[in-house]
Protein backbone atom coordinates (compact mmCIF):
# COMPACT_ATOMS: atom_id res chain seq x y z
CA UNK A 1 0.00 0.00 0.00
CA UNK A 2 2.28 2.81 -1.23
CA UNK A 3 1.79 6.20 0.42
CA UNK A 4 3.26 9.30 -1.20
CA UNK A 5 3.80 12.77 0.21
CA UNK A 6 3.54 15.78 -2.10
CA UNK A 7 5.12 18.67 -0.17
CA UNK A 8 4.99 22.32 -1.03
CA UNK A 9 4.08 25.80 0.08
CA UNK A 10 0.97 25.94 -2.14
CA UNK A 11 0.70 29.72 -1.69
CA UNK A 12 -1.74 29.45 -3.39
CA UNK A 13 -2.55 26.08 -4.93
CA UNK A 14 -2.61 26.34 -8.74
CA UNK A 15 -4.04 24.20 -11.51
CA UNK A 16 -0.49 22.93 -12.04
CA UNK A 17 -0.40 21.63 -8.46
CA UNK A 18 -3.81 20.03 -8.97
CA UNK A 19 -2.55 18.35 -12.13
CA UNK A 20 0.25 16.69 -10.15
CA UNK A 21 -2.06 15.80 -7.22
CA UNK A 22 -4.71 14.16 -9.40
CA UNK A 23 -2.15 12.19 -11.40
CA UNK A 24 -0.33 11.06 -8.25
CA UNK A 25 -3.70 9.95 -6.81
CA UNK A 26 -4.05 7.56 -9.76
CA UNK A 27 -0.64 6.02 -9.04
CA UNK A 28 -0.57 5.73 -5.25
CA UNK A 29 -3.00 4.22 -2.77
CA UNK A 30 -2.79 7.39 -0.71
CA UNK A 31 -1.36 10.84 -1.38
CA UNK A 32 -0.70 13.25 1.46
CA UNK A 33 -0.48 16.84 0.27
CA UNK A 34 1.74 18.43 2.90
CA UNK A 35 1.75 22.20 3.30
CA UNK A 36 5.12 23.25 4.65
CA UNK A 37 5.39 25.94 7.28
CA UNK A 38 8.56 27.71 6.19
CA UNK A 39 10.00 30.21 8.64
CA UNK A 40 12.09 31.90 5.94
CA UNK A 41 9.11 32.74 3.71
CA UNK A 42 6.35 35.30 4.18
CA UNK A 43 3.31 33.64 2.60
CA UNK A 44 0.26 35.52 1.36
CA UNK A 45 -2.05 32.91 2.90
CA UNK A 46 -1.70 31.40 6.36
CA UNK A 47 -0.96 27.70 6.65
CA UNK A 48 -4.57 27.14 7.74
CA UNK A 49 -5.93 29.02 4.70
CA UNK A 50 -3.72 27.01 2.34
CA UNK A 51 -4.81 23.72 3.94
CA UNK A 52 -8.46 24.81 3.70
CA UNK A 53 -8.14 25.71 0.00
CA UNK A 54 -6.37 22.42 -0.78
CA UNK A 55 -9.05 20.43 1.05
CA UNK A 56 -11.74 22.22 -0.94
CA UNK A 57 -10.14 21.57 -4.33
CA UNK A 58 -9.22 17.93 -3.62
CA UNK A 59 -12.52 16.93 -2.00
CA UNK A 60 -13.38 14.79 -5.04
CA UNK A 61 -10.20 12.71 -4.64
CA UNK A 62 -10.95 10.15 -1.90
CA UNK A 63 -7.36 8.94 -1.52
CA UNK A 64 -5.92 12.44 -1.06
CA UNK A 65 -5.36 13.87 2.40
CA UNK A 66 -4.22 17.42 3.16
CA UNK A 67 -2.00 18.14 6.14
CA UNK A 68 0.66 20.62 7.25
CA UNK A 69 4.10 20.19 8.75
CA UNK A 70 7.18 22.02 9.89
CA UNK A 71 10.71 20.81 10.30
CA UNK A 72 12.49 18.24 8.18
CA UNK A 73 10.47 16.67 5.39
CA UNK A 74 12.13 13.26 5.92
CA UNK A 75 10.88 13.16 9.51
CA UNK A 76 7.37 14.07 8.42
CA UNK A 77 7.41 11.43 5.65
CA UNK A 78 8.48 8.72 8.09
CA UNK A 79 6.01 9.85 10.77
CA UNK A 80 3.21 9.48 8.20
CA UNK A 81 4.31 5.96 7.24
CA UNK A 82 5.32 6.96 3.72
CA UNK A 83 8.53 6.39 1.80
CA UNK A 84 7.86 8.29 -1.43
CA UNK A 85 8.07 12.02 -2.08
CA UNK A 86 6.39 13.42 -5.19
CA UNK A 87 7.98 16.48 -6.78
CA UNK A 88 6.43 18.44 -9.62
CA UNK A 89 8.58 19.84 -12.41
CA UNK A 90 7.46 22.56 -14.81
CA UNK A 91 10.64 23.13 -16.76
CA UNK A 92 14.31 22.27 -16.75
CA UNK A 93 14.90 25.31 -14.53
CA UNK A 94 13.07 23.51 -11.69
CA UNK A 95 15.23 20.43 -11.95
CA UNK A 96 18.44 21.79 -10.41
CA UNK A 97 16.76 22.87 -7.17
CA UNK A 98 14.57 19.77 -6.95
CA UNK A 99 17.60 17.56 -7.63
CA UNK A 100 19.47 19.19 -4.72
CA UNK A 101 16.48 18.59 -2.44
CA UNK A 102 16.30 14.97 -3.56
CA UNK A 103 20.00 14.35 -2.90
CA UNK A 104 19.64 15.92 0.55
CA UNK A 105 16.62 13.73 1.29
CA UNK A 106 18.58 10.66 0.15
CA UNK A 107 21.50 11.64 2.38
CA UNK A 108 19.22 12.06 5.41
CA UNK A 109 17.18 8.90 4.77
CA UNK A 110 18.24 6.45 2.07
CA UNK A 111 14.89 4.66 2.32
CA UNK A 112 12.86 7.55 0.92
CA UNK A 113 12.47 7.66 -2.85
CA UNK A 114 11.55 10.72 -4.91
CA UNK A 115 9.28 10.60 -7.94
CA UNK A 116 9.51 13.53 -10.35
CA UNK A 117 6.36 14.29 -12.32
CA UNK A 118 6.31 16.72 -15.22
CA UNK A 119 3.30 18.97 -15.12
CA UNK A 120 1.05 18.96 -18.18
CA UNK A 121 2.33 21.34 -20.84
CA UNK A 122 -0.63 23.72 -20.43
CA UNK A 123 0.63 24.50 -16.90
CA UNK A 124 4.37 24.56 -17.56
CA UNK A 125 4.53 28.36 -17.21
CA UNK A 126 2.48 28.47 -14.04
CA UNK A 127 3.77 29.24 -10.56
CA UNK A 128 2.18 30.54 -7.37
CA UNK A 129 4.34 33.66 -7.68
CA UNK A 130 3.03 34.43 -11.17
CA UNK A 131 -0.55 33.85 -10.02
CA UNK A 132 -0.11 36.23 -7.08
CA UNK A 133 1.44 38.92 -9.24
CA UNK A 134 -1.29 38.77 -11.89
CA UNK A 135 -4.00 38.69 -9.21
CA UNK A 136 -2.49 41.65 -7.33
CA UNK A 137 -2.97 43.80 -10.46
CA UNK A 138 -6.51 42.54 -11.06
CA UNK A 139 -5.55 40.38 -14.03
CA UNK A 140 -7.48 37.31 -15.13
CA UNK A 141 -6.36 34.17 -13.30
CA UNK A 142 -9.40 32.04 -14.18
CA UNK A 143 -7.40 29.39 -16.07
CA UNK A 144 -4.57 29.37 -13.53
CA UNK A 145 -6.35 28.42 -10.30
CA UNK A 146 -9.57 26.71 -9.22
CA UNK A 147 -12.58 29.05 -8.68
CA UNK A 148 -12.38 28.86 -4.87
CA UNK A 149 -8.74 29.99 -4.99
CA UNK A 150 -9.54 32.76 -7.47
CA UNK A 151 -12.19 34.10 -5.07
CA UNK A 152 -9.76 33.97 -2.13
CA UNK A 153 -7.11 35.85 -4.13
CA UNK A 154 -9.60 38.54 -5.20
CA UNK A 155 -10.64 38.90 -1.56
CA UNK A 156 -7.03 39.09 -0.38
CA UNK A 157 -6.08 41.72 -2.94
CA UNK A 158 -9.47 43.46 -2.84
CA UNK A 159 -9.80 43.44 -6.62
CA UNK A 160 -12.86 42.85 -8.78
């Protein structure tokens, strides 16, 4: 019964994230989407808001669970009984950073494997940072995020 953890900041969750989540849910018995609390980042949405949005947009995926964590990912993965980490890649530019994270994970716990998944080409340009920037100027983000996330962004930025 393979359990995978898909970690990230998800600030906010995008359609690219959902693409990876739904595809991982078809591969693994259980997927835990783990929202990281990162002390070095100043997120737009609180951890609780990000968890709430993720739960709303994954409600139709019965084998997907949303949780949050802080500290070392390897400890969280082991505590949850998993041994697979899913990492999404948009472009070759993502690979270098993700590869470093994977090697670090392997060094800390050789029993945890990482699965890289390429996002679908229609989302290859998409990042949470781009979504936030477009939303902050009142631009159209309809095809970038689920409707519930679009509404939360409009509310956050107080734009139409």
